[in-house]
Amino acid sequence: MRHRCARLASIVICATALAASAAEGETLTYTTPGTTEVTLPTGVARVHVVAVGGRGGGALGGFGAVVSGDVSIVSPDFPETSPRLLIEVAGNGGIGIGGVNHGGEAGAPGFPILAGGGGGSSALFSLTQINGAPAYLAKIEAGGGGGAGAPSLFGAGGAGGSAGAAGSAGTSTPDLTAAGGGEAGARRGSGGGVGSNSSDIECEGGEAGEDGALSDGGAGGLSADASGHGDGGGGGGGRRGGGGGGAGAFCSDDSGTSGGGGGGGSSAVPIGGSLAIDTTGQPYVQITYELEEPTVTITAPAIGTTYEQSRSIQASYACAPPAALPQDRIASCMGTTASGALIDTRRLGYHVFSATATDVYGLTTTQTINYLVADLTRPQIRRLRIEPRTIGTTDAHDYAMVRFRLSEPARVRVAVHRVRGGKGHAARARAWIVRGRAGLNSFRLRARIGRRTLRPGAYRLTLVATDPSGNRSKPVERRFTIVG
């Protein structure tokens, strides 16, 4: 991994270029407060992100948000370039200072500074175009917590709001009105809390906390003067950063109030993502990515389907890039046969059909299915004839010729039944097998079958053909007579 850093408007921006060997997939975690540019391998379409916002300063500072989800990072304006990201890692607020990346400043009565600054936000941006110019667009944002208000001699400072929650008011003595907490952050910022107020001119009201802005949390309000008269309200939460805590104060008669806590910043959660409140106070941004392979879908032949032999079946399959990538990313889509061409149904048995999608980056996906070609057609026996229809028993050479036609090669079971009483009931049958071929077939029918000679009377000859696939024909019958 290679890094290059530059200083921009007092913010250190580090750029990271990832080697192509990371294309199999990688998880990267950024913990240093600041801004980092990241270039991912060409072909990455989306990343899974976990972003944790900073905590507000002070023992009662609010915690930042934990936002996670999958985000698309491919811009239609840059379809063939490596995705470029901008990652912001929040800093925690401290006593008197706001956290890196949009934390609101703490209110200060001069000295000492006791209010906590708001926590910064963590976020991920992807490069796109806005009005024809390259720009980074926010994909996920985790708001910071509000800073704690400053305590006074007789009161406790208000707690900072956790991400998306309002800060608390400070406590006060009976003759003073407590400084209010800042409001929870909204997408365009939110209002700061009001300062304290008193009928005692020496304890005139402190300033209200500043409203949160589009990005930054509002600063906590100041005391009325450098001596600490009057308490400031908590700063309002920003679109991302938490508001700063309000300043605390005490009056000449040793009465006083405490500053209000800053409101927590708001967060941006991607569709299908999740939002929670951090409990660790350790902001970071973690991304997990991998190159997504193209997809291929085979609709014909259908998996596990049995097709009749010689039936005309057209292959049908399609290749597609991962979601959010343009269709022209697919370089080739090839199968056992071309889509729309006939698949092999001439040969009986199991067949393998496959199709492969290849994209412009050399990534491939292959789908393979099996299908069965079977003979599903019954053989047919046609034009069965017995000539002559009467067979004698005294002449060893007396016989009849049985002729018939088969629609396909088959084993033919020949059975002879004695007909009694003219009702067609069969006595004990005599049967044997004849190997038939497609077309005309014939065999001799004699009175003597095996070791036994048929007695004079009426008989029924029945033929049933079974082909190599096990399909059986309908029985075909003819009658003949044995004479003594």
Protein backbone atom coordinates (compact mmCIF):
# COMPACT_ATOMS: atom_id res chain seq x y z
CA MET A 1 0.00 0.00 0.00
CA ARG A 2 1.39 3.41 -0.93
CA HIS A 3 0.57 6.70 0.80
CA ARG A 4 1.02 10.32 -0.11
CA CYS A 5 0.01 13.21 2.15
CA ALA A 6 -0.67 16.88 1.56
CA ARG A 7 -1.86 19.75 3.74
CA LEU A 8 -5.06 21.43 2.63
CA ALA A 9 -6.58 24.28 4.60
CA SER A 10 -4.79 23.10 7.79
CA ILE A 11 -6.27 19.60 7.37
CA VAL A 12 -3.92 16.78 6.57
CA ILE A 13 -5.20 14.69 3.66
CA CYS A 14 -3.52 11.34 3.02
CA ALA A 15 -4.09 9.58 -0.28
CA THR A 16 -3.94 5.78 -0.42
CA ALA A 17 -3.43 3.79 -3.62
CA LEU A 18 -4.26 0.09 -3.35
CA ALA A 19 -2.28 -2.49 -5.27
CA ALA A 20 -4.09 -4.70 -7.76
CA SER A 21 -3.28 -7.72 -5.59
CA ALA A 22 -5.95 -6.48 -3.20
CA ALA A 23 -8.56 -7.25 -5.84
CA GLU A 24 -9.52 -10.50 -4.13
CA GLY A 25 -11.09 -8.49 -1.34
CA GLU A 26 -9.82 -6.54 1.63
CA THR A 27 -10.89 -4.83 4.84
CA LEU A 28 -9.28 -1.47 5.63
CA THR A 29 -9.67 0.38 8.92
CA TYR A 30 -8.83 4.09 9.38
CA THR A 31 -8.45 5.39 12.95
CA THR A 32 -6.36 8.56 12.64
CA PRO A 33 -8.53 11.69 12.84
CA GLY A 34 -8.42 13.55 9.56
CA THR A 35 -9.20 13.06 5.89
CA THR A 36 -7.82 10.35 3.59
CA GLU A 37 -8.22 9.86 -0.16
CA VAL A 38 -8.45 6.21 -1.21
CA THR A 39 -8.30 4.75 -4.72
CA LEU A 40 -9.76 1.25 -5.03
CA PRO A 41 -8.96 -1.26 -7.79
CA THR A 42 -10.85 -0.83 -11.04
CA GLY A 43 -13.98 -2.91 -11.01
CA VAL A 44 -15.02 -2.45 -7.38
CA ALA A 45 -18.66 -1.47 -7.44
CA ARG A 46 -19.67 -1.19 -3.78
CA VAL A 47 -18.18 -1.27 -0.30
CA HIS A 48 -19.46 -2.19 3.14
CA VAL A 49 -18.80 0.68 5.54
CA VAL A 50 -18.79 1.00 9.34
CA ALA A 51 -18.36 4.59 10.52
CA VAL A 52 -18.14 5.69 14.18
CA GLY A 53 -18.49 9.35 15.15
CA GLY A 54 -16.47 11.10 17.85
CA ARG A 55 -17.46 11.53 21.47
CA GLY A 56 -18.10 14.94 22.98
CA GLY A 57 -15.57 16.29 25.47
CA GLY A 58 -15.97 16.13 29.22
CA ALA A 59 -16.99 13.36 31.58
CA LEU A 60 -20.62 13.79 30.49
CA GLY A 61 -19.87 14.17 26.80
CA GLY A 62 -22.28 12.33 24.49
CA PHE A 63 -21.16 9.38 22.37
CA GLY A 64 -21.09 9.45 18.59
CA ALA A 65 -23.16 7.36 16.20
CA VAL A 66 -22.29 3.98 14.68
CA VAL A 67 -23.57 3.80 11.10
CA SER A 68 -23.07 0.76 8.86
CA GLY A 69 -24.30 -0.32 5.45
CA ASP A 70 -23.47 -1.16 1.85
CA VAL A 71 -22.98 1.77 -0.52
CA SER A 72 -22.45 2.02 -4.26
CA ILE A 73 -19.26 3.85 -5.17
CA VAL A 74 -19.43 3.76 -8.97
CA SER A 75 -20.37 6.93 -10.76
CA PRO A 76 -21.97 6.75 -14.22
CA ASP A 77 -19.72 9.69 -15.11
CA PHE A 78 -16.58 7.64 -14.44
CA PRO A 79 -17.49 4.10 -15.53
CA GLU A 80 -13.99 2.95 -16.50
CA THR A 81 -11.90 4.58 -13.78
CA SER A 82 -10.76 3.24 -10.43
CA PRO A 83 -13.23 4.32 -7.73
CA ARG A 84 -11.96 7.18 -5.61
CA LEU A 85 -13.13 7.71 -2.03
CA LEU A 86 -12.72 10.41 0.57
CA ILE A 87 -12.73 9.10 4.14
CA GLU A 88 -13.18 11.38 7.15
CA VAL A 89 -12.33 10.00 10.59
CA ALA A 90 -13.71 11.95 13.53
CA GLY A 91 -11.78 13.27 16.48
CA ASN A 92 -13.17 13.25 20.02
CA GLY A 93 -13.99 16.56 21.59
CA GLY A 94 -11.78 17.77 24.44
CA ILE A 95 -12.04 20.27 27.23
CA GLY A 96 -12.25 23.56 25.44
CA ILE A 97 -11.83 22.20 21.89
CA GLY A 98 -14.06 20.57 19.29
CA GLY A 99 -13.19 17.24 17.71
CA VAL A 100 -11.60 16.98 14.26
CA ASN A 101 -14.13 17.00 11.40
CA HIS A 102 -16.87 19.41 12.39
CA GLY A 103 -17.03 19.19 16.21
CA GLY A 104 -18.43 22.36 17.81
CA GLU A 105 -16.12 24.49 19.98
CA ALA A 106 -16.66 24.73 23.73
CA GLY A 107 -17.89 27.90 25.34
CA ALA A 108 -15.19 29.63 27.39
CA PRO A 109 -15.50 32.08 30.31
CA GLY A 110 -11.91 33.18 29.87
CA PHE A 111 -10.03 30.98 32.33
CA PRO A 112 -10.29 28.16 33.26
CA ILE A 113 -12.02 26.44 30.35
CA LEU A 114 -14.24 23.67 31.68
CA ALA A 115 -16.78 23.01 28.90
CA GLY A 116 -16.28 20.14 26.46
CA GLY A 117 -16.15 20.51 22.71
CA GLY A 118 -18.44 18.51 20.41
CA GLY A 119 -17.27 15.25 18.82
CA GLY A 120 -16.43 15.27 15.14
CA SER A 121 -18.13 13.16 12.48
CA SER A 122 -16.88 10.17 10.50
CA ALA A 123 -17.97 9.85 6.88
CA LEU A 124 -17.28 8.30 3.49
CA PHE A 125 -17.62 10.15 0.16
CA SER A 126 -17.29 8.85 -3.42
CA LEU A 127 -16.16 10.79 -6.46
CA THR A 128 -18.84 11.84 -8.94
CA GLN A 129 -19.71 14.86 -11.06
CA ILE A 130 -21.89 17.76 -10.06
CA ASN A 131 -22.71 20.31 -12.77
CA GLY A 132 -19.96 18.84 -14.92
CA ALA A 133 -17.24 19.17 -12.28
CA PRO A 134 -15.71 16.33 -10.23
CA ALA A 135 -16.97 16.38 -6.66
CA TYR A 136 -17.21 14.09 -3.67
CA LEU A 137 -20.70 13.01 -2.65
CA ALA A 138 -21.43 11.80 0.89
CA LYS A 139 -22.52 8.15 1.06
CA ILE A 140 -22.54 7.54 4.82
CA GLU A 141 -22.15 9.86 7.85
CA ALA A 142 -21.84 9.10 11.56
CA GLY A 143 -22.63 12.14 13.72
CA GLY A 144 -20.59 13.17 16.74
CA GLY A 145 -21.76 13.49 20.33
CA GLY A 146 -22.33 16.83 22.09
CA GLY A 147 -19.83 18.29 24.52
CA ALA A 148 -20.59 18.49 28.23
CA GLY A 149 -21.48 21.86 29.74
CA ALA A 150 -19.09 23.49 32.20
CA PRO A 151 -19.87 23.04 35.89
CA SER A 152 -20.07 25.96 38.28
CA LEU A 153 -19.35 26.20 41.98
CA PHE A 154 -22.85 25.11 42.85
CA GLY A 155 -24.10 23.19 39.81
CA ALA A 156 -23.31 20.42 37.38
CA GLY A 157 -22.86 21.01 33.70
CA GLY A 158 -25.43 19.59 31.33
CA ALA A 159 -24.65 16.29 29.64
CA GLY A 160 -23.89 16.39 25.93
CA GLY A 161 -26.39 14.66 23.69
CA SER A 162 -25.39 11.38 22.04
CA ALA A 163 -25.56 11.42 18.25
CA GLY A 164 -28.98 12.66 17.23
CA ALA A 165 -30.04 13.58 20.80
CA ALA A 166 -30.42 16.97 22.48
CA GLY A 167 -28.02 18.16 25.13
CA SER A 168 -29.13 18.65 28.73
CA ALA A 169 -29.52 21.92 30.62
CA GLY A 170 -27.10 22.76 33.39
CA THR A 171 -28.24 23.00 37.01
CA SER A 172 -28.80 26.32 38.77
CA THR A 173 -29.44 27.94 42.12
CA PRO A 174 -33.02 29.00 42.95
CA ASP A 175 -32.63 32.60 41.86
CA LEU A 176 -31.13 31.76 38.46
CA THR A 177 -32.48 30.22 35.29
CA ALA A 178 -30.28 27.36 34.09
CA ALA A 179 -28.49 27.50 30.75
CA GLY A 180 -30.29 25.33 28.21
CA GLY A 181 -28.87 22.40 26.24
CA GLY A 182 -28.40 22.49 22.50
CA GLU A 183 -30.90 20.78 20.21
CA ALA A 184 -30.26 17.52 18.43
CA GLY A 185 -28.65 17.83 15.03
CA ALA A 186 -30.77 17.97 11.90
CA ARG A 187 -29.76 17.78 8.23
CA ARG A 188 -29.38 21.57 8.15
CA GLY A 189 -28.18 22.05 11.70
CA SER A 190 -30.21 22.87 14.79
CA GLY A 191 -30.64 25.50 17.45
CA GLY A 192 -28.33 26.16 20.36
CA GLY A 193 -29.51 26.32 23.94
CA VAL A 194 -30.30 29.59 25.69
CA GLY A 195 -27.95 31.17 28.20
CA SER A 196 -28.69 31.50 31.90
CA ASN A 197 -30.60 34.49 33.27
CA SER A 198 -30.90 36.24 36.66
CA SER A 199 -32.52 39.26 38.26
CA ASP A 200 -29.17 39.98 39.86
CA ILE A 201 -27.36 42.46 37.61
CA GLU A 202 -24.06 40.91 38.63
CA CYS A 203 -25.25 37.60 37.26
CA GLU A 204 -26.62 38.76 33.95
CA GLY A 205 -27.39 36.07 31.40
CA GLY A 206 -24.72 34.20 29.51
CA GLU A 207 -24.79 33.83 25.75
CA ALA A 208 -26.91 31.30 23.94
CA GLY A 209 -25.15 28.46 22.20
CA GLU A 210 -24.64 28.83 18.45
CA ASP A 211 -26.87 27.06 16.03
CA GLY A 212 -25.47 23.99 14.30
CA ALA A 213 -24.53 24.52 10.66
CA LEU A 214 -24.67 22.39 7.49
CA SER A 215 -21.60 20.54 8.65
CA ASP A 216 -20.24 21.90 11.93
CA GLY A 217 -21.74 21.63 15.36
CA GLY A 218 -22.54 24.98 16.98
CA ALA A 219 -20.15 26.44 19.52
CA GLY A 220 -21.20 26.54 23.14
CA GLY A 221 -22.27 29.89 24.51
CA LEU A 222 -19.86 32.10 26.47
CA SER A 223 -20.28 33.46 29.94
CA ALA A 224 -21.49 37.01 30.22
CA ASP A 225 -18.01 38.31 30.96
CA ALA A 226 -14.47 37.19 31.60
CA SER A 227 -15.16 36.99 35.30
CA GLY A 228 -17.57 34.21 34.64
CA HIS A 229 -20.86 35.98 35.25
CA GLY A 230 -23.76 34.18 33.60
CA ASP A 231 -23.66 30.71 31.92
CA GLY A 232 -23.68 29.85 28.22
CA GLY A 233 -26.13 27.55 26.52
CA GLY A 234 -24.96 24.37 24.75
CA GLY A 235 -24.22 24.52 21.04
CA GLY A 236 -26.70 22.98 18.60
CA GLY A 237 -25.80 19.75 16.84
CA GLY A 238 -24.70 20.10 13.26
CA ARG A 239 -25.47 18.11 10.15
CA ARG A 240 -22.59 15.91 11.20
CA GLY A 241 -20.67 17.36 14.14
CA GLY A 242 -21.83 17.52 17.76
CA GLY A 243 -22.42 20.88 19.44
CA GLY A 244 -19.99 22.28 22.02
CA GLY A 245 -20.88 22.57 25.70
CA GLY A 246 -21.83 25.92 27.22
CA ALA A 247 -19.55 27.78 29.61
CA GLY A 248 -20.15 27.70 33.38
CA ALA A 249 -20.04 30.65 35.79
CA PHE A 250 -20.44 31.86 39.34
CA CYS A 251 -21.64 35.14 40.75
CA SER A 252 -20.08 37.45 43.35
CA ASP A 253 -22.42 36.09 45.99
CA ASP A 254 -21.14 32.56 45.27
CA SER A 255 -24.31 31.57 43.51
CA GLY A 256 -24.28 30.43 39.91
CA THR A 257 -25.43 28.09 37.21
CA SER A 258 -23.78 25.59 34.89
CA GLY A 259 -23.47 25.50 31.15
CA GLY A 260 -25.81 23.46 28.97
CA GLY A 261 -24.60 20.41 27.03
CA GLY A 262 -24.21 20.53 23.27
CA GLY A 263 -26.65 18.66 21.03
CA GLY A 264 -25.52 15.53 19.19
CA GLY A 265 -24.89 15.69 15.46
CA SER A 266 -27.13 13.95 12.93
CA SER A 267 -26.17 10.97 10.75
CA ALA A 268 -26.79 9.80 7.19
CA VAL A 269 -27.72 6.10 6.96
CA PRO A 270 -27.74 4.35 3.55
CA ILE A 271 -30.78 2.36 2.45
CA GLY A 272 -30.76 -0.96 4.26
CA GLY A 273 -28.12 0.28 6.73
CA SER A 274 -28.25 0.52 10.51
CA LEU A 275 -27.77 3.22 13.15
CA ALA A 276 -26.65 2.74 16.76
CA ILE A 277 -24.92 4.70 19.55
CA ASP A 278 -21.24 4.05 20.16
CA THR A 279 -20.06 2.99 23.63
CA THR A 280 -16.28 2.96 23.13
CA GLY A 281 -15.36 6.55 22.37
CA GLN A 282 -12.98 5.35 19.63
CA PRO A 283 -14.03 6.79 16.24
CA TYR A 284 -12.99 5.05 13.03
CA VAL A 285 -14.06 4.22 9.48
CA GLN A 286 -13.78 0.66 8.17
CA ILE A 287 -14.39 -0.38 4.59
CA THR A 288 -14.64 -3.90 3.16
CA TYR A 289 -14.64 -4.42 -0.57
CA GLU A 290 -14.08 -7.01 -3.27
CA LEU A 291 -14.18 -7.16 -7.03
CA GLU A 292 -17.63 -8.32 -8.03
CA GLU A 293 -17.77 -10.90 -10.78
CA PRO A 294 -20.27 -10.72 -13.65
CA THR A 295 -23.31 -12.98 -13.57
CA VAL A 296 -24.58 -15.49 -16.14
CA THR A 297 -28.07 -16.96 -16.16
CA ILE A 298 -29.06 -20.01 -18.24
CA THR A 299 -32.79 -20.34 -18.89
CA ALA A 300 -32.61 -23.04 -21.60
CA PRO A 301 -31.75 -25.82 -21.37
CA ALA A 302 -33.36 -25.84 -17.94
CA ILE A 303 -31.47 -27.56 -15.17
CA GLY A 304 -32.54 -31.16 -14.56
CA THR A 305 -34.96 -31.20 -17.51
CA THR A 306 -35.51 -34.27 -19.70
CA TYR A 307 -35.91 -33.53 -23.40
CA GLU A 308 -37.29 -35.87 -26.05
CA GLN A 309 -34.70 -37.09 -28.50
CA SER A 310 -34.34 -34.90 -31.61
CA ARG A 311 -36.64 -32.24 -30.20
CA SER A 312 -35.64 -28.69 -31.27
CA ILE A 313 -34.58 -26.70 -28.18
CA GLN A 314 -32.94 -23.28 -28.48
CA ALA A 315 -30.26 -22.28 -26.00
CA SER A 316 -31.06 -19.16 -24.00
CA TYR A 317 -28.70 -17.44 -21.58
CA ALA A 318 -27.62 -13.91 -20.66
CA CYS A 319 -24.63 -12.24 -19.00
CA ALA A 320 -24.78 -9.12 -16.83
CA PRO A 321 -22.38 -6.95 -14.85
CA PRO A 322 -22.81 -6.44 -11.09
CA ALA A 323 -25.45 -3.97 -10.02
CA ALA A 324 -24.56 -0.31 -10.59
CA LEU A 325 -22.04 -1.08 -13.34
CA PRO A 326 -22.71 -0.36 -17.03
CA GLN A 327 -23.69 -3.20 -19.39
CA ASP A 328 -20.70 -2.54 -21.66
CA ARG A 329 -18.47 -3.89 -18.89
CA ILE A 330 -19.26 -7.37 -20.30
CA ALA A 331 -16.57 -8.29 -22.83
CA SER A 332 -17.95 -11.68 -23.90
CA CYS A 333 -20.84 -14.04 -23.17
CA MET A 334 -20.24 -17.51 -24.61
CA GLY A 335 -21.85 -20.90 -24.10
CA THR A 336 -21.64 -24.48 -25.34
CA THR A 337 -23.73 -23.21 -28.23
CA ALA A 338 -24.65 -19.64 -29.07
CA SER A 339 -27.73 -18.24 -27.41
CA GLY A 340 -30.61 -18.87 -29.84
CA ALA A 341 -28.90 -21.88 -31.49
CA LEU A 342 -30.15 -25.47 -31.07
CA ILE A 343 -28.71 -27.55 -28.26
CA ASP A 344 -27.71 -31.20 -28.75
CA THR A 345 -30.75 -33.46 -28.44
CA ARG A 346 -29.63 -36.11 -30.92
CA ARG A 347 -27.50 -38.18 -28.55
CA LEU A 348 -29.28 -40.02 -25.75
CA GLY A 349 -28.08 -39.62 -22.17
CA TYR A 350 -26.91 -36.82 -19.89
CA HIS A 351 -25.45 -33.66 -21.40
CA VAL A 352 -23.48 -30.76 -19.89
CA PHE A 353 -24.25 -27.20 -20.96
CA SER A 354 -22.23 -24.22 -19.73
CA ALA A 355 -22.03 -20.48 -20.34
CA THR A 356 -19.28 -18.06 -19.30
CA ALA A 357 -19.43 -14.29 -18.74
CA THR A 358 -16.15 -12.35 -19.01
CA ASP A 359 -15.87 -8.66 -18.18
CA VAL A 360 -13.40 -6.06 -19.37
CA TYR A 361 -11.26 -6.61 -16.27
CA GLY A 362 -10.80 -10.31 -16.98
CA LEU A 363 -13.15 -11.54 -14.25
CA THR A 364 -15.22 -14.54 -15.30
CA THR A 365 -18.24 -16.44 -14.06
CA THR A 366 -19.32 -19.81 -15.45
CA GLN A 367 -22.65 -21.55 -14.91
CA THR A 368 -22.94 -25.24 -15.74
CA ILE A 369 -26.09 -27.35 -15.80
CA ASN A 370 -27.02 -30.93 -16.76
CA TYR A 371 -29.94 -32.04 -18.86
CA LEU A 372 -31.10 -35.44 -20.11
CA VAL A 373 -32.00 -36.49 -23.63
CA ALA A 374 -34.27 -39.53 -23.65
CA ASP A 375 -36.35 -41.55 -26.11
CA LEU A 376 -39.87 -40.80 -24.97
CA THR A 377 -41.64 -42.18 -28.06
CA ARG A 378 -43.41 -45.53 -27.94
CA PRO A 379 -42.46 -47.96 -30.67
CA GLN A 380 -45.30 -48.78 -33.05
CA ILE A 381 -46.20 -52.13 -34.64
CA ARG A 382 -48.01 -51.79 -37.95
CA ARG A 383 -49.41 -54.13 -40.63
CA LEU A 384 -49.29 -57.34 -38.63
CA ARG A 385 -50.25 -60.24 -40.93
CA ILE A 386 -50.35 -64.06 -40.59
CA GLU A 387 -50.25 -65.92 -43.89
CA PRO A 388 -51.87 -68.41 -44.08
CA ARG A 389 -54.22 -68.10 -41.15
CA THR A 390 -54.48 -71.91 -40.78
CA ILE A 391 -51.54 -74.08 -39.68
CA GLY A 392 -51.48 -77.89 -39.76
CA THR A 393 -49.88 -80.20 -37.20
CA THR A 394 -49.17 -83.32 -39.31
CA ASP A 395 -46.65 -81.83 -41.73
CA ALA A 396 -43.35 -80.78 -40.11
CA HIS A 397 -42.95 -78.08 -42.77
CA ASP A 398 -46.39 -76.66 -42.35
CA TYR A 399 -46.08 -73.10 -41.01
CA ALA A 400 -47.34 -69.57 -41.45
CA MET A 401 -45.30 -66.38 -42.06
CA VAL A 402 -45.83 -63.56 -39.60
CA ARG A 403 -44.93 -60.16 -41.03
CA PHE A 404 -45.03 -56.73 -39.35
CA ARG A 405 -43.37 -53.32 -39.44
CA LEU A 406 -41.60 -51.52 -36.54
CA SER A 407 -41.17 -47.76 -36.21
CA GLU A 408 -37.76 -48.28 -34.52
CA PRO A 409 -35.51 -51.12 -33.37
CA ALA A 410 -37.08 -53.01 -30.46
CA ARG A 411 -37.38 -56.34 -28.69
CA VAL A 412 -40.73 -57.88 -29.60
CA ARG A 413 -42.46 -60.25 -27.20
CA VAL A 414 -44.52 -62.81 -29.13
CA ALA A 415 -47.25 -64.58 -27.16
CA VAL A 416 -49.71 -67.27 -28.32
CA HIS A 417 -52.90 -67.81 -26.38
CA ARG A 418 -55.59 -70.46 -26.91
CA VAL A 419 -59.01 -68.97 -27.36
CA ARG A 420 -61.83 -70.92 -25.69
CA GLY A 421 -65.55 -70.45 -25.83
CA GLY A 422 -65.24 -67.62 -28.32
CA LYS A 423 -64.86 -65.08 -25.51
CA GLY A 424 -61.18 -64.35 -25.96
CA HIS A 425 -60.11 -65.75 -22.59
CA ALA A 426 -56.52 -66.97 -22.73
CA ALA A 427 -55.36 -70.35 -21.66
CA ARG A 428 -51.76 -70.84 -20.70
CA ALA A 429 -49.63 -68.67 -23.03
CA ARG A 430 -46.55 -69.61 -25.00
CA ALA A 431 -44.14 -66.67 -25.41
CA TRP A 432 -40.73 -65.88 -26.86
CA ILE A 433 -38.67 -62.85 -27.92
CA VAL A 434 -37.95 -61.66 -31.45
CA ARG A 435 -35.32 -58.98 -32.11
CA GLY A 436 -36.89 -56.46 -34.44
CA ARG A 437 -35.43 -53.73 -36.58
CA ALA A 438 -36.92 -50.55 -37.93
CA GLY A 439 -39.02 -51.42 -40.99
CA LEU A 440 -40.22 -54.82 -42.19
CA ASN A 441 -39.76 -57.89 -39.93
CA SER A 442 -40.90 -61.54 -40.26
CA PHE A 443 -40.67 -64.90 -38.54
CA ARG A 444 -42.20 -68.38 -38.99
CA LEU A 445 -45.06 -69.49 -36.81
CA ARG A 446 -45.40 -73.27 -36.44
CA ALA A 447 -47.77 -75.53 -34.57
CA ARG A 448 -44.88 -76.80 -32.50
CA ILE A 449 -43.56 -74.20 -30.05
CA GLY A 450 -40.58 -75.38 -28.09
CA ARG A 451 -41.26 -78.94 -26.90
CA ARG A 452 -45.01 -78.73 -27.19
CA THR A 453 -47.34 -78.86 -30.13
CA LEU A 454 -50.42 -76.68 -30.13
CA ARG A 455 -53.68 -78.61 -30.08
CA PRO A 456 -56.19 -77.97 -32.82
CA GLY A 457 -58.29 -74.90 -32.14
CA ALA A 458 -58.43 -71.13 -32.28
CA TYR A 459 -55.47 -69.06 -31.07
CA ARG A 460 -54.55 -65.37 -30.58
CA LEU A 461 -51.10 -64.03 -31.54
CA THR A 462 -50.07 -60.92 -29.51
CA LEU A 463 -47.03 -58.74 -30.21
CA VAL A 464 -45.64 -56.07 -27.79
CA ALA A 465 -42.46 -54.13 -28.68
CA THR A 466 -40.07 -52.55 -26.13
CA ASP A 467 -37.38 -50.14 -27.34
CA PRO A 468 -33.92 -49.69 -25.70
CA SER A 469 -35.29 -46.82 -23.59
CA GLY A 470 -37.96 -49.03 -22.09
CA ASN A 471 -40.89 -47.54 -24.00
CA ARG A 472 -43.55 -50.18 -24.76
CA SER A 473 -45.89 -50.29 -27.72
CA LYS A 474 -49.58 -50.98 -27.59
CA PRO A 475 -50.37 -54.70 -27.99
CA VAL A 476 -51.26 -55.77 -31.53
CA GLU A 477 -53.26 -59.02 -32.08
CA ARG A 478 -54.21 -61.37 -34.88
CA ARG A 479 -56.01 -64.75 -34.79
CA PHE A 480 -55.06 -68.02 -36.42
CA THR A 481 -56.21 -71.65 -36.32
CA ILE A 482 -54.41 -74.95 -35.73
CA VAL A 483 -55.88 -77.96 -37.56
CA GLY A 484 -55.06 -81.68 -37.08
